[in-house]
Structures are given as structure tokens and as C-alpha cells.
PDB file of N, CA and C in Angstrom:
ATOM      1  N   MET A   1      98.503 115.923 108.218  1.00  0.00           N
ATOM      2  CA  MET A   1      99.103 116.302 106.957  1.00  0.00           C
ATOM      3  C   MET A   1      98.560 115.496 105.605  1.00  0.00           C
ATOM      4  N   ASN A   2      98.360 115.978 104.990  1.00  0.00           N
ATOM      5  CA  ASN A   2      97.923 115.073 103.646  1.00  0.00           C
ATOM      6  C   ASN A   2      98.721 114.652 102.823  1.00  0.00           C
ATOM      7  N   LYS A   3      98.542 113.653 102.510  1.00  0.00           N
ATOM      8  CA  LYS A   3      99.617 112.701 101.507  1.00  0.00           C
ATOM      9  C   LYS A   3      98.711 113.209 100.397  1.00  0.00           C
ATOM     10  N   ILE A   4      99.969 113.611  99.499  1.00  0.00           N
ATOM     11  CA  ILE A   4      99.688 113.634  97.787  1.00  0.00           C
ATOM     12  C   ILE A   4     100.053 112.131  96.935  1.00  0.00           C
ATOM     13  N   TYR A   5     100.817 111.594  97.668  1.00  0.00           N
ATOM     14  CA  TYR A   5     101.132 110.467  96.616  1.00  0.00           C
ATOM     15  C   TYR A   5     101.341 109.380  97.459  1.00  0.00           C
ATOM     16  N   THR A   6     100.909 108.279  97.368  1.00  0.00           N
ATOM     17  CA  THR A   6     100.823 107.060  97.665  1.00  0.00           C
ATOM     18  C   THR A   6     101.724 105.884  96.776  1.00  0.00           C
ATOM     19  N   GLY A   7     102.349 105.379  97.007  1.00  0.00           N
ATOM     20  CA  GLY A   7     103.247 103.952  96.427  1.00  0.00           C
ATOM     21  C   GLY A   7     103.170 102.995  97.206  1.00  0.00           C
ATOM     22  N   PHE A   8     104.091 101.824  96.811  1.00  0.00           N
ATOM     23  CA  PHE A   8     104.523 100.350  97.213  1.00  0.00           C
ATOM     24  C   PHE A   8     105.705 100.274  97.066  1.00  0.00           C
ATOM     25  N   SER A   9     106.121  99.332  98.061  1.00  0.00           N
ATOM     26  CA  SER A   9     107.942  99.089  98.466  1.00  0.00           C
ATOM     27  C   SER A   9     107.520  98.142  98.894  1.00  0.00           C
ATOM     28  N   LEU A  10     108.654  96.924  98.191  1.00  0.00           N
ATOM     29  CA  LEU A  10     108.235  95.848  99.135  1.00  0.00           C
ATOM     30  C   LEU A  10     110.000  96.360  99.971  1.00  0.00           C
ATOM     31  N   SER A  11     110.683  97.196  99.684  1.00  0.00           N
ATOM     32  CA  SER A  11     112.215  97.387 100.446  1.00  0.00           C
ATOM     33  C   SER A  11     111.895  98.519 101.678  1.00  0.00           C
ATOM     34  N   ASN A  12     110.720  99.363 101.404  1.00  0.00           N
ATOM     35  CA  ASN A  12     110.016  99.757 102.960  1.00  0.00           C
ATOM     36  C   ASN A  12     110.184  98.597 103.861  1.00  0.00           C
ATOM     37  N   TYR A  13     109.115  97.650 103.457  1.00  0.00           N
ATOM     38  CA  TYR A  13     109.076  97.254 104.939  1.00  0.00           C
ATOM     39  C   TYR A  13     109.823  96.478 105.896  1.00  0.00           C
ATOM     40  N   ILE A  14     111.268  96.033 104.650  1.00  0.00           N
ATOM     41  CA  ILE A  14     111.735  95.410 105.580  1.00  0.00           C
ATOM     42  C   ILE A  14     112.394  96.827 107.075  1.00  0.00           C
ATOM     43  N   ARG A  15     112.246  97.740 106.654  1.00  0.00           N
ATOM     44  CA  ARG A  15     112.697  99.381 107.507  1.00  0.00           C
ATOM     45  C   ARG A  15     111.269  99.634 108.409  1.00  0.00           C
ATOM     46  N   ASN A  16     110.174  99.968 107.696  1.00  0.00           N
ATOM     47  CA  ASN A  16     109.071  99.993 108.171  1.00  0.00           C
ATOM     48  C   ASN A  16     108.016  99.309 108.862  1.00  0.00           C
ATOM     49  N   ARG A  17     107.938  98.051 108.120  1.00  0.00           N
ATOM     50  CA  ARG A  17     106.554  96.691 109.004  1.00  0.00           C
ATOM     51  C   ARG A  17     105.624  97.576 107.905  1.00  0.00           C
ATOM     52  N   THR A  18     105.783  98.216 107.150  1.00  0.00           N
ATOM     53  CA  THR A  18     104.651  98.679 105.846  1.00  0.00           C
ATOM     54  C   THR A  18     105.016  98.814 104.416  1.00  0.00           C
ATOM     55  N   THR A  19     104.388  97.995 103.578  1.00  0.00           N
ATOM     56  CA  THR A  19     104.679  98.266 102.199  1.00  0.00           C
ATOM     57  C   THR A  19     103.910  99.446 101.686  1.00  0.00           C
ATOM     58  N   ARG A  20     103.379 100.478 102.408  1.00  0.00           N
ATOM     59  CA  ARG A  20     103.172 101.715 101.451  1.00  0.00           C
ATOM     60  C   ARG A  20     104.759 102.841 101.869  1.00  0.00           C
ATOM     61  N   ILE A  21     104.533 103.554 101.202  1.00  0.00           N
ATOM     62  CA  ILE A  21     105.809 104.984 100.747  1.00  0.00           C
ATOM     63  C   ILE A  21     104.801 106.153 100.125  1.00  0.00           C
ATOM     64  N   TYR A  22     105.036 106.960 101.074  1.00  0.00           N
ATOM     65  CA  TYR A  22     104.344 108.655 100.508  1.00  0.00           C
ATOM     66  C   TYR A  22     105.413 109.419 100.267  1.00  0.00           C
ATOM     67  N   ASP A  23     104.556 110.348  99.307  1.00  0.00           N
ATOM     68  CA  ASP A  23     105.354 111.837  98.984  1.00  0.00           C
ATOM     69  C   ASP A  23     106.619 112.104  98.296  1.00  0.00           C
ATOM     70  N   VAL A  24     107.817 112.492  99.333  1.00  0.00           N
ATOM     71  CA  VAL A  24     109.174 112.681  98.515  1.00  0.00           C
ATOM     72  C   VAL A  24     109.826 111.081  98.074  1.00  0.00           C
ATOM     73  N   GLU A  25     108.849 109.800  99.048  1.00  0.00           N
ATOM     74  CA  GLU A  25     110.096 108.939  99.324  1.00  0.00           C
ATOM     75  C   GLU A  25     109.300 108.102  98.040  1.00  0.00           C
ATOM     76  N   CYS A  26     107.996 108.033  97.706  1.00  0.00           N
ATOM     77  CA  CYS A  26     107.230 107.228  96.904  1.00  0.00           C
ATOM     78  C   CYS A  26     107.805 108.058  95.587  1.00  0.00           C
ATOM     79  N   VAL A  27     108.311 109.480  95.102  1.00  0.00           N
ATOM     80  CA  VAL A  27     109.122 110.231  93.686  1.00  0.00           C
ATOM     81  C   VAL A  27     109.732 109.255  93.677  1.00  0.00           C
ATOM     82  N   ILE A  28     111.040 108.911  94.655  1.00  0.00           N
ATOM     83  CA  ILE A  28     112.408 108.563  94.473  1.00  0.00           C
ATOM     84  C   ILE A  28     112.468 107.345  94.256  1.00  0.00           C
ATOM     85  N   ASP A  29     111.083 106.913  94.663  1.00  0.00           N
ATOM     86  CA  ASP A  29     110.990 105.163  94.293  1.00  0.00           C
ATOM     87  C   ASP A  29     110.846 105.277  92.535  1.00  0.00           C
ATOM     88  N   ASP A  30     109.945 105.876  92.482  1.00  0.00           N
ATOM     89  CA  ASP A  30     109.715 106.148  91.038  1.00  0.00           C
ATOM     90  C   ASP A  30     110.389 106.280  90.447  1.00  0.00           C
ATOM     91  N   LEU A  31     111.384 107.183  90.348  1.00  0.00           N
ATOM     92  CA  LEU A  31     112.697 107.567  89.370  1.00  0.00           C
ATOM     93  C   LEU A  31     113.918 106.444  89.632  1.00  0.00           C
ATOM     94  N   LYS A  32     113.814 105.885  90.969  1.00  0.00           N
ATOM     95  CA  LYS A  32     114.498 104.716  90.642  1.00  0.00           C
ATOM     96  C   LYS A  32     114.462 103.635  89.853  1.00  0.00           C
ATOM     97  N   ARG A  33     112.893 103.175  89.812  1.00  0.00           N
ATOM     98  CA  ARG A  33     112.241 102.091  89.039  1.00  0.00           C
ATOM     99  C   ARG A  33     112.261 102.925  87.181  1.00  0.00           C
ATOM    100  N   HIS A  34     112.448 104.035  87.126  1.00  0.00           N
ATOM    101  CA  HIS A  34     112.320 104.363  85.562  1.00  0.00           C
ATOM    102  C   HIS A  34     113.821 104.402  85.495  1.00  0.00           C
ATOM    103  N   ILE A  35     114.746 104.692  86.532  1.00  0.00           N
ATOM    104  CA  ILE A  35     116.127 104.038  85.795  1.00  0.00           C
ATOM    105  C   ILE A  35     116.620 102.985  85.515  1.00  0.00           C
ATOM    106  N   TYR A  36     116.650 102.354  86.422  1.00  0.00           N
ATOM    107  CA  TYR A  36     116.399 100.692  86.624  1.00  0.00           C
ATOM    108  C   TYR A  36     115.509  99.634  85.460  1.00  0.00           C
ATOM    109  N   THR A  37     114.422 100.344  85.037  1.00  0.00           N
ATOM    110  CA  THR A  37     114.043  99.693  84.117  1.00  0.00           C
ATOM    111  C   THR A  37     114.289  99.803  82.735  1.00  0.00           C
ATOM    112  N   MET A  38     114.889  98.651  81.938  1.00  0.00           N
ATOM    113  CA  MET A  38     115.086  98.639  80.517  1.00  0.00           C
ATOM    114  C   MET A  38     114.280  98.868  79.578  1.00  0.00           C
ATOM    115  N   PHE A  39     114.084  99.244  78.715  1.00  0.00           N
ATOM    116  CA  PHE A  39     113.380 100.078  77.768  1.00  0.00           C
ATOM    117  C   PHE A  39     112.831  98.476  76.727  1.00  0.00           C
ATOM    118  N   GLY A  40     111.383  98.463  76.801  1.00  0.00           N
ATOM    119  CA  GLY A  40     110.935  97.047  75.725  1.00  0.00           C
ATOM    120  C   GLY A  40     110.401  96.272  77.486  1.00  0.00           C
ATOM    121  N   GLU A  41     111.517  96.908  78.887  1.00  0.00           N
ATOM    122  CA  GLU A  41     110.813  95.523  79.605  1.00  0.00           C
ATOM    123  C   GLU A  41     109.447  95.434  80.145  1.00  0.00           C
ATOM    124  N   ARG A  42     108.559  96.973  79.890  1.00  0.00           N
ATOM    125  CA  ARG A  42     107.462  97.375  81.053  1.00  0.00           C
ATOM    126  C   ARG A  42     106.065  96.994  79.530  1.00  0.00           C
ATOM    127  N   VAL A  43     105.184  96.165  79.996  1.00  0.00           N
ATOM    128  CA  VAL A  43     104.313  95.852  79.155  1.00  0.00           C
ATOM    129  C   VAL A  43     103.755  97.218  78.715  1.00  0.00           C
ATOM    130  N   LYS A  44     103.132  97.040  77.493  1.00  0.00           N
ATOM    131  CA  LYS A  44     102.600  97.877  77.162  1.00  0.00           C
ATOM    132  C   LYS A  44     103.260  99.437  76.811  1.00  0.00           C
ATOM    133  N   MET A  45     104.685  99.250  77.546  1.00  0.00           N
ATOM    134  CA  MET A  45     105.498 101.071  77.636  1.00  0.00           C
ATOM    135  C   MET A  45     106.121 100.745  77.033  1.00  0.00           C
ATOM    136  N   ILE A  46     106.819 100.682  76.019  1.00  0.00           N
ATOM    137  CA  ILE A  46     108.106  99.468  75.570  1.00  0.00           C
ATOM    138  C   ILE A  46     109.106 101.015  75.452  1.00  0.00           C
ATOM    139  N   SER A  47     108.707 102.092  75.478  1.00  0.00           N
ATOM    140  CA  SER A  47     109.570 103.255  75.183  1.00  0.00           C
ATOM    141  C   SER A  47     109.768 103.828  76.600  1.00  0.00           C
ATOM    142  N   TRP A  48     109.135 103.077  77.791  1.00  0.00           N
ATOM    143  CA  TRP A  48     109.429 103.869  79.375  1.00  0.00           C
ATOM    144  C   TRP A  48     110.594 103.127  79.471  1.00  0.00           C
ATOM    145  N   GLY A  49     111.661 103.470  80.376  1.00  0.00           N
ATOM    146  CA  GLY A  49     112.893 103.068  80.319  1.00  0.00           C
ATOM    147  C   GLY A  49     114.176 104.149  80.562  1.00  0.00           C
ATOM    148  N   SER A  50     115.460 103.053  80.829  1.00  0.00           N
ATOM    149  CA  SER A  50     116.691 103.351  80.177  1.00  0.00           C
ATOM    150  C   SER A  50     117.302 102.294  79.929  1.00  0.00           C
ATOM    151  N   GLU A  51     118.476 102.451  78.600  1.00  0.00           N
ATOM    152  CA  GLU A  51     119.368 102.341  78.918  1.00  0.00           C
ATOM    153  C   GLU A  51     120.994 101.820  80.235  1.00  0.00           C
ATOM    154  N   ILE A  52     120.025 102.410  80.762  1.00  0.00           N
ATOM    155  CA  ILE A  52     121.799 102.449  82.347  1.00  0.00           C
ATOM    156  C   ILE A  52     121.818 101.008  82.585  1.00  0.00           C
ATOM    157  N   PRO A  53     120.841  99.863  83.251  1.00  0.00           N
ATOM    158  CA  PRO A  53     120.448  99.006  83.312  1.00  0.00           C
ATOM    159  C   PRO A  53     121.841  97.517  82.435  1.00  0.00           C
ATOM    160  N   LEU A  54     122.091  98.283  80.877  1.00  0.00           N
ATOM    161  CA  LEU A  54     122.455  97.450  80.602  1.00  0.00           C
ATOM    162  C   LEU A  54     124.155  97.740  79.789  1.00  0.00           C
ATOM    163  N   LEU A  55     124.525  98.565  80.932  1.00  0.00           N
ATOM    164  CA  LEU A  55     126.503  99.809  80.567  1.00  0.00           C
ATOM    165  C   LEU A  55     126.554  99.301  81.711  1.00  0.00           C
ATOM    166  N   THR A  56     126.468  98.191  82.579  1.00  0.00           N
ATOM    167  CA  THR A  56     127.324  97.583  83.441  1.00  0.00           C
ATOM    168  C   THR A  56     128.551  97.040  83.286  1.00  0.00           C
ATOM    169  N   PHE A  57     129.025  96.692  81.648  1.00  0.00           N
ATOM    170  CA  PHE A  57     130.407  96.190  81.277  1.00  0.00           C
ATOM    171  C   PHE A  57     130.995  97.029  80.151  1.00  0.00           C
ATOM    172  N   GLU A  58     130.194  98.273  79.763  1.00  0.00           N
ATOM    173  CA  GLU A  58     130.949  99.173  79.365  1.00  0.00           C
ATOM    174  C   GLU A  58     131.852 100.206  80.020  1.00  0.00           C
ATOM    175  N   GLN A  59     132.769 100.702  78.889  1.00  0.00           N
ATOM    176  CA  GLN A  59     134.523 101.116  79.389  1.00  0.00           C
ATOM    177  C   GLN A  59     133.637 102.606  80.088  1.00  0.00           C
ATOM    178  N   ASN A  60     134.321 101.957  81.328  1.00  0.00           N
ATOM    179  CA  ASN A  60     134.056 103.798  82.104  1.00  0.00           C
ATOM    180  C   ASN A  60     135.275 104.949  81.633  1.00  0.00           C
ATOM    181  N   ASP A  61     134.492 105.691  80.687  1.00  0.00           N
ATOM    182  CA  ASP A  61     135.271 106.842  80.343  1.00  0.00           C
ATOM    183  C   ASP A  61     134.128 107.643  79.923  1.00  0.00           C
ATOM    184  N   LYS A  62     134.428 109.356  79.299  1.00  0.00           N
ATOM    185  CA  LYS A  62     133.830 110.497  79.512  1.00  0.00           C
ATOM    186  C   LYS A  62     132.630 110.614  78.645  1.00  0.00           C
ATOM    187  N   VAL A  63     133.023 109.848  77.360  1.00  0.00           N
ATOM    188  CA  VAL A  63     131.533 109.078  76.678  1.00  0.00           C
ATOM    189  C   VAL A  63     130.317 108.608  77.231  1.00  0.00           C
ATOM    190  N   LEU A  64     130.725 107.452  77.878  1.00  0.00           N
ATOM    191  CA  LEU A  64     129.638 106.906  78.802  1.00  0.00           C
ATOM    192  C   LEU A  64     129.537 107.956  80.103  1.00  0.00           C
ATOM    193  N   ILE A  65     129.714 108.805  80.940  1.00  0.00           N
ATOM    194  CA  ILE A  65     129.886 109.789  81.529  1.00  0.00           C
ATOM    195  C   ILE A  65     128.560 110.304  80.934  1.00  0.00           C
ATOM    196  N   ASP A  66     128.673 110.687  79.885  1.00  0.00           N
ATOM    197  CA  ASP A  66     127.958 112.007  78.948  1.00  0.00           C
ATOM    198  C   ASP A  66     126.636 111.330  78.610  1.00  0.00           C
ATOM    199  N   TYR A  67     126.492 109.468  78.304  1.00  0.00           N
ATOM    200  CA  TYR A  67     125.570 109.558  77.885  1.00  0.00           C
ATOM    201  C   TYR A  67     124.296 109.374  79.405  1.00  0.00           C
ATOM    202  N   VAL A  68     125.117 108.443  80.039  1.00  0.00           N
ATOM    203  CA  VAL A  68     124.796 108.321  80.960  1.00  0.00           C
ATOM    204  C   VAL A  68     123.798 109.576  81.812  1.00  0.00           C
ATOM    205  N   SER A  69     124.277 110.841  81.661  1.00  0.00           N
ATOM    206  CA  SER A  69     124.390 112.148  82.303  1.00  0.00           C
ATOM    207  C   SER A  69     122.822 112.185  80.953  1.00  0.00           C
ATOM    208  N   GLY A  70     123.108 112.189  80.131  1.00  0.00           N
ATOM    209  CA  GLY A  70     122.006 112.595  79.405  1.00  0.00           C
ATOM    210  C   GLY A  70     120.910 111.840  79.043  1.00  0.00           C
ATOM    211  N   GLN A  71     120.312 110.278  79.584  1.00  0.00           N
ATOM    212  CA  GLN A  71     119.624 109.610  80.151  1.00  0.00           C
ATOM    213  C   GLN A  71     118.921 110.269  81.161  1.00  0.00           C
ATOM    214  N   LEU A  72     119.766 110.083  82.447  1.00  0.00           N
ATOM    215  CA  LEU A  72     119.052 111.074  83.626  1.00  0.00           C
ATOM    216  C   LEU A  72     118.586 112.000  83.593  1.00  0.00           C
ATOM    217  N   ASN A  73     118.900 112.693  82.763  1.00  0.00           N
ATOM    218  CA  ASN A  73     118.139 114.550  82.562  1.00  0.00           C
ATOM    219  C   ASN A  73     116.858 113.853  81.533  1.00  0.00           C
ATOM    220  N   THR A  74     116.915 113.085  80.588  1.00  0.00           N
ATOM    221  CA  THR A  74     115.797 112.836  80.368  1.00  0.00           C
ATOM    222  C   THR A  74     114.720 112.021  80.838  1.00  0.00           C
ATOM    223  N   ILE A  75     114.726 111.726  81.733  1.00  0.00           N
ATOM    224  CA  ILE A  75     114.176 110.504  82.660  1.00  0.00           C
ATOM    225  C   ILE A  75     113.592 112.088  83.996  1.00  0.00           C
ATOM    226  N   PHE A  76     114.723 112.560  84.000  1.00  0.00           N
ATOM    227  CA  PHE A  76     114.305 113.455  85.293  1.00  0.00           C
ATOM    228  C   PHE A  76     113.773 114.579  84.865  1.00  0.00           C
ATOM    229  N   LYS A  77     113.089 114.965  83.234  1.00  0.00           N
ATOM    230  CA  LYS A  77     112.582 116.311  82.634  1.00  0.00           C
ATOM    231  C   LYS A  77     110.838 116.013  82.423  1.00  0.00           C
ATOM    232  N   SER A  78     111.214 114.497  82.166  1.00  0.00           N
ATOM    233  CA  SER A  78     109.796 113.733  82.073  1.00  0.00           C
ATOM    234  C   SER A  78     109.090 113.266  83.001  1.00  0.00           C
ATOM    235  N   ASP A  79     109.299 113.620  84.642  1.00  0.00           N
ATOM    236  CA  ASP A  79     108.900 114.228  85.408  1.00  0.00           C
ATOM    237  C   ASP A  79     108.469 114.642  86.187  1.00  0.00           C
ATOM    238  N   PRO A  80     107.146 115.159  85.712  1.00  0.00           N
ATOM    239  CA  PRO A  80     106.444 117.234  86.480  1.00  0.00           C
ATOM    240  C   PRO A  80     106.116 117.404  87.447  1.00  0.00           C
ATOM    241  N   ARG A  81     107.299 116.157  88.523  1.00  0.00           N
ATOM    242  CA  ARG A  81     107.118 116.174  90.491  1.00  0.00           C
ATOM    243  C   ARG A  81     108.346 117.107  90.461  1.00  0.00           C
ATOM    244  N   ILE A  82     109.599 117.182  89.886  1.00  0.00           N
ATOM    245  CA  ILE A  82     110.489 117.293  90.321  1.00  0.00           C
ATOM    246  C   ILE A  82     111.204 118.063  89.227  1.00  0.00           C
ATOM    247  N   THR A  83     111.986 118.904  90.084  1.00  0.00           N
ATOM    248  CA  THR A  83     113.407 119.944  89.149  1.00  0.00           C
ATOM    249  C   THR A  83     114.298 119.679  89.651  1.00  0.00           C
ATOM    250  N   ILE A  84     115.561 119.831  87.839  1.00  0.00           N
ATOM    251  CA  ILE A  84     116.777 119.255  88.424  1.00  0.00           C
ATOM    252  C   ILE A  84     117.007 120.326  88.534  1.00  0.00           C
ATOM    253  N   LYS A  85     118.022 120.365  89.496  1.00  0.00           N
ATOM    254  CA  LYS A  85     118.828 121.263  90.337  1.00  0.00           C
ATOM    255  C   LYS A  85     120.136 121.281  89.998  1.00  0.00           C
ATOM    256  N   ASN A  86     121.009 119.686  89.846  1.00  0.00           N
ATOM    257  CA  ASN A  86     122.140 119.600  89.654  1.00  0.00           C
ATOM    258  C   ASN A  86     122.482 118.004  89.555  1.00  0.00           C
ATOM    259  N   ILE A  87     123.470 117.392  88.739  1.00  0.00           N
ATOM    260  CA  ILE A  87     123.719 116.521  88.341  1.00  0.00           C
ATOM    261  C   ILE A  87     125.344 116.008  88.205  1.00  0.00           C
ATOM    262  N   GLU A  88     125.709 115.409  89.147  1.00  0.00           N
ATOM    263  CA  GLU A  88     127.129 115.126  89.121  1.00  0.00           C
ATOM    264  C   GLU A  88     127.508 113.677  88.955  1.00  0.00           C
ATOM    265  N   LEU A  89     127.886 112.966  88.208  1.00  0.00           N
ATOM    266  CA  LEU A  89     128.764 111.405  87.283  1.00  0.00           C
ATOM    267  C   LEU A  89     129.916 111.709  88.438  1.00  0.00           C
ATOM    268  N   TYR A  90     130.401 110.759  89.025  1.00  0.00           N
ATOM    269  CA  TYR A  90     131.811 110.627  89.270  1.00  0.00           C
ATOM    270  C   TYR A  90     132.066 109.170  88.767  1.00  0.00           C
ATOM    271  N   ALA A  91     133.465 108.440  88.337  1.00  0.00           N
ATOM    272  CA  ALA A  91     133.829 107.844  87.768  1.00  0.00           C
ATOM    273  C   ALA A  91     134.956 107.123  89.258  1.00  0.00           C
ATOM    274  N   LEU A  92     134.333 105.719  89.338  1.00  0.00           N
ATOM    275  CA  LEU A  92     135.194 104.858  90.293  1.00  0.00           C
ATOM    276  C   LEU A  92     136.332 103.870  89.693  1.00  0.00           C
ATOM    277  N   PRO A  93     137.262 104.293  89.028  1.00  0.00           N
ATOM    278  CA  PRO A  93     137.581 102.968  88.469  1.00  0.00           C
ATOM    279  C   PRO A  93     138.134 102.061  89.562  1.00  0.00           C
ATOM    280  N   ASP A  94     138.894 101.960  90.449  1.00  0.00           N
ATOM    281  CA  ASP A  94     138.796 101.236  91.463  1.00  0.00           C
ATOM    282  C   ASP A  94     137.803 100.424  91.611  1.00  0.00           C
ATOM    283  N   ASP A  95     136.497 101.059  92.239  1.00  0.00           N
ATOM    284  CA  ASP A  95     135.714  99.865  92.294  1.00  0.00           C
ATOM    285  C   ASP A  95     134.936  99.593  91.246  1.00  0.00           C
ATOM    286  N   ASN A  96     135.421  99.626  89.477  1.00  0.00           N
ATOM    287  CA  ASN A  96     134.193  99.625  89.005  1.00  0.00           C
ATOM    288  C   ASN A  96     133.115  99.972  88.563  1.00  0.00           C
ATOM    289  N   ALA A  97     132.806 101.582  89.255  1.00  0.00           N
ATOM    290  CA  ALA A  97     131.338 101.641  89.098  1.00  0.00           C
ATOM    291  C   ALA A  97     131.671 103.700  88.638  1.00  0.00           C
ATOM    292  N   LEU A  98     130.016 103.520  88.512  1.00  0.00           N
ATOM    293  CA  LEU A  98     129.868 105.028  88.236  1.00  0.00           C
ATOM    294  C   LEU A  98     128.723 105.328  89.482  1.00  0.00           C
ATOM    295  N   VAL A  99     129.081 106.488  89.418  1.00  0.00           N
ATOM    296  CA  VAL A  99     128.346 107.349  90.953  1.00  0.00           C
ATOM    297  C   VAL A  99     127.501 108.840  90.770  1.00  0.00           C
ATOM    298  N   CYS A 100     126.507 108.468  90.605  1.00  0.00           N
ATOM    299  CA  CYS A 100     125.692 109.721  90.348  1.00  0.00           C
ATOM    300  C   CYS A 100     124.968 110.568  91.269  1.00  0.00           C
ATOM    301  N   ILE A 101     125.193 111.234  91.412  1.00  0.00           N
ATOM    302  CA  ILE A 101     124.570 112.633  92.273  1.00  0.00           C
ATOM    303  C   ILE A 101     123.419 113.472  92.123  1.00  0.00           C
ATOM    304  N   SER A 102     122.321 113.536  92.150  1.00  0.00           N
ATOM    305  CA  SER A 102     121.619 114.180  91.588  1.00  0.00           C
ATOM    306  C   SER A 102     121.156 114.923  92.784  1.00  0.00           C
ATOM    307  N   THR A 103     120.688 116.341  92.515  1.00  0.00           N
ATOM    308  CA  THR A 103     120.240 117.182  93.597  1.00  0.00           C
ATOM    309  C   THR A 103     118.869 117.564  92.853  1.00  0.00           C
ATOM    310  N   LEU A 104     117.746 117.116  93.371  1.00  0.00           N
ATOM    311  CA  LEU A 104     116.260 117.571  92.978  1.00  0.00           C
ATOM    312  C   LEU A 104     115.475 118.324  93.690  1.00  0.00           C
ATOM    313  N   LEU A 105     114.652 119.441  93.256  1.00  0.00           N
ATOM    314  CA  LEU A 105     113.910 119.738  94.030  1.00  0.00           C
ATOM    315  C   LEU A 105     112.708 119.350  93.657  1.00  0.00           C
ATOM    316  N   PHE A 106     111.764 119.054  94.515  1.00  0.00           N
ATOM    317  CA  PHE A 106     110.551 118.370  94.607  1.00  0.00           C
ATOM    318  C   PHE A 106     109.444 119.414  94.978  1.00  0.00           C
ATOM    319  N   ASN A 107     108.666 119.194  93.695  1.00  0.00           N
ATOM    320  CA  ASN A 107     108.131 120.777  93.482  1.00  0.00           C
ATOM    321  C   ASN A 107     106.416 120.927  94.549  1.00  0.00           C
ATOM    322  N   GLU A 108     105.966 120.160  94.609  1.00  0.00           N
ATOM    323  CA  GLU A 108     104.622 120.195  95.293  1.00  0.00           C
ATOM    324  C   GLU A 108     104.938 120.062  96.965  1.00  0.00           C
ATOM    325  N   PHE A 109     106.512 120.094  97.100  1.00  0.00           N
ATOM    326  CA  PHE A 109     106.417 119.609  98.965  1.00  0.00           C
ATOM    327  C   PHE A 109     107.570 121.088  99.412  1.00  0.00           C
ATOM    328  N   GLY A 110     108.901 121.289  98.030  1.00  0.00           N
ATOM    329  CA  GLY A 110     109.904 122.536  98.095  1.00  0.00           C
ATOM    330  C   GLY A 110     110.888 121.985  98.990  1.00  0.00           C
ATOM    331  N   ILE A 111     110.799 120.781  99.026  1.00  0.00           N
ATOM    332  CA  ILE A 111     112.646 120.139  99.611  1.00  0.00           C
ATOM    333  C   ILE A 111     113.388 119.689  98.407  1.00  0.00           C
ATOM    334  N   ILE A 112     114.266 119.935  98.561  1.00  0.00           N
ATOM    335  CA  ILE A 112     115.476 119.888  98.117  1.00  0.00           C
ATOM    336  C   ILE A 112     116.231 118.687  98.746  1.00  0.00           C
ATOM    337  N   GLU A 113     116.675 117.242  97.769  1.00  0.00           N
ATOM    338  CA  GLU A 113     117.541 116.575  98.346  1.00  0.00           C
ATOM    339  C   GLU A 113     118.086 115.603  97.420  1.00  0.00           C
ATOM    340  N   ASP A 114     119.135 115.377  97.452  1.00  0.00           N
ATOM    341  CA  ASP A 114     120.195 114.720  96.868  1.00  0.00           C
ATOM    342  C   ASP A 114     119.504 112.509  96.619  1.00  0.00           C
ATOM    343  N   LEU A 115     119.331 112.386  95.038  1.00  0.00           N
ATOM    344  CA  LEU A 115     119.201 111.263  94.970  1.00  0.00           C
ATOM    345  C   LEU A 115     120.439 110.459  93.955  1.00  0.00           C
ATOM    346  N   SER A 116     121.003 109.218  95.129  1.00  0.00           N
ATOM    347  CA  SER A 116     121.916 108.967  94.769  1.00  0.00           C
ATOM    348  C   SER A 116     122.540 107.815  94.168  1.00  0.00           C
ATOM    349  N   ILE A 117     123.160 107.322  93.030  1.00  0.00           N
ATOM    350  CA  ILE A 117     122.591 106.311  92.442  1.00  0.00           C
ATOM    351  C   ILE A 117     123.861 105.400  91.865  1.00  0.00           C
ATOM    352  N   GLN A 118     124.379 104.129  91.986  1.00  0.00           N
ATOM    353  CA  GLN A 118     125.693 104.055  91.661  1.00  0.00           C
ATOM    354  C   GLN A 118     125.291 102.152  90.850  1.00  0.00           C
ATOM    355  N   ILE A 119     126.070 102.427  89.708  1.00  0.00           N
ATOM    356  CA  ILE A 119     126.057 101.591  88.774  1.00  0.00           C
ATOM    357  C   ILE A 119     127.540 100.711  88.945  1.00  0.00           C
ATOM    358  N   LYS A 120     127.099  99.686  89.597  1.00  0.00           N
ATOM    359  CA  LYS A 120     128.878  98.494  89.060  1.00  0.00           C
ATOM    360  C   LYS A 120     128.661  97.468  87.942  1.00  0.00           C
ATOM    361  N   GLY A 121     130.038  97.445  88.406  1.00  0.00           N
ATOM    362  CA  GLY A 121     130.266  96.783  87.188  1.00  0.00           C
ATOM    363  C   GLY A 121     131.295  97.547  85.867  1.00  0.00           C
ATOM    364  N   LEU A 122     131.481  98.344  85.941  1.00  0.00           N
ATOM    365  CA  LEU A 122     132.106  99.255  84.910  1.00  0.00           C
ATOM    366  C   LEU A 122     133.547  99.042  84.580  1.00  0.00           C
TER     367      LEU A 122
END
């Protein structure tokens, strides 16, 4: 099977003894990198990233959930490799966390998969 996307991930080395990642795994890694990179952190791409890493000490309420949902929508819509099927955000007040479960269609592969992200410290 031909590989469409190839990437690099050190976390993959721990699991599979290789730093290479391919296709859906590569797209997911790219999305997480985009979400967890702050605006201005990437050289010569100051408008790339999100404010999600800065929200760890904000009040966990409806306003924050709507804001994070908007940030995720913007990031997901900017990537032509995926189509958003659903985004659900849950506030976990006991754990001081916000959990996002996004259902995404990976266009080239016809695969629907969930991307789970947890923002702790809220």
C-alpha cells in the first residue's frame, strides 16, 4: 500500500522503535501539534497555532467551552486532509480539565476516527 503522508514523531519511537509515522497517524500528529503550539511560537509563522495551551488556568465555564470549540473548528477547517463530523467538549470540574472528542473523516482514506484531547489545569 502506498503511503500518502510521512512524518516524524519521537513518541512513536517508544511504541514502535521508529520515528516515522504515516497517513492517518501523521495527520493526527500534525493536528495535535497545531493545537498545542501557541501563536507566535513557530518561526516565520506567527499566525499558526492556537491559544488553547494558554487556557489551562481559565475558569471552566460555558464561555471557555465555546471559545475552545471555535479554536478547534478553525484548526480543523484549515486542514484539507480532514472533514469535521462532530466536536464534543466536556467540562470535568473534579479533575479541572476540559475533554474534547472530535470525530473526523480522513478524506484520502475514507476513515472516520475520534481525536481525543484533554486540557488539564482548568
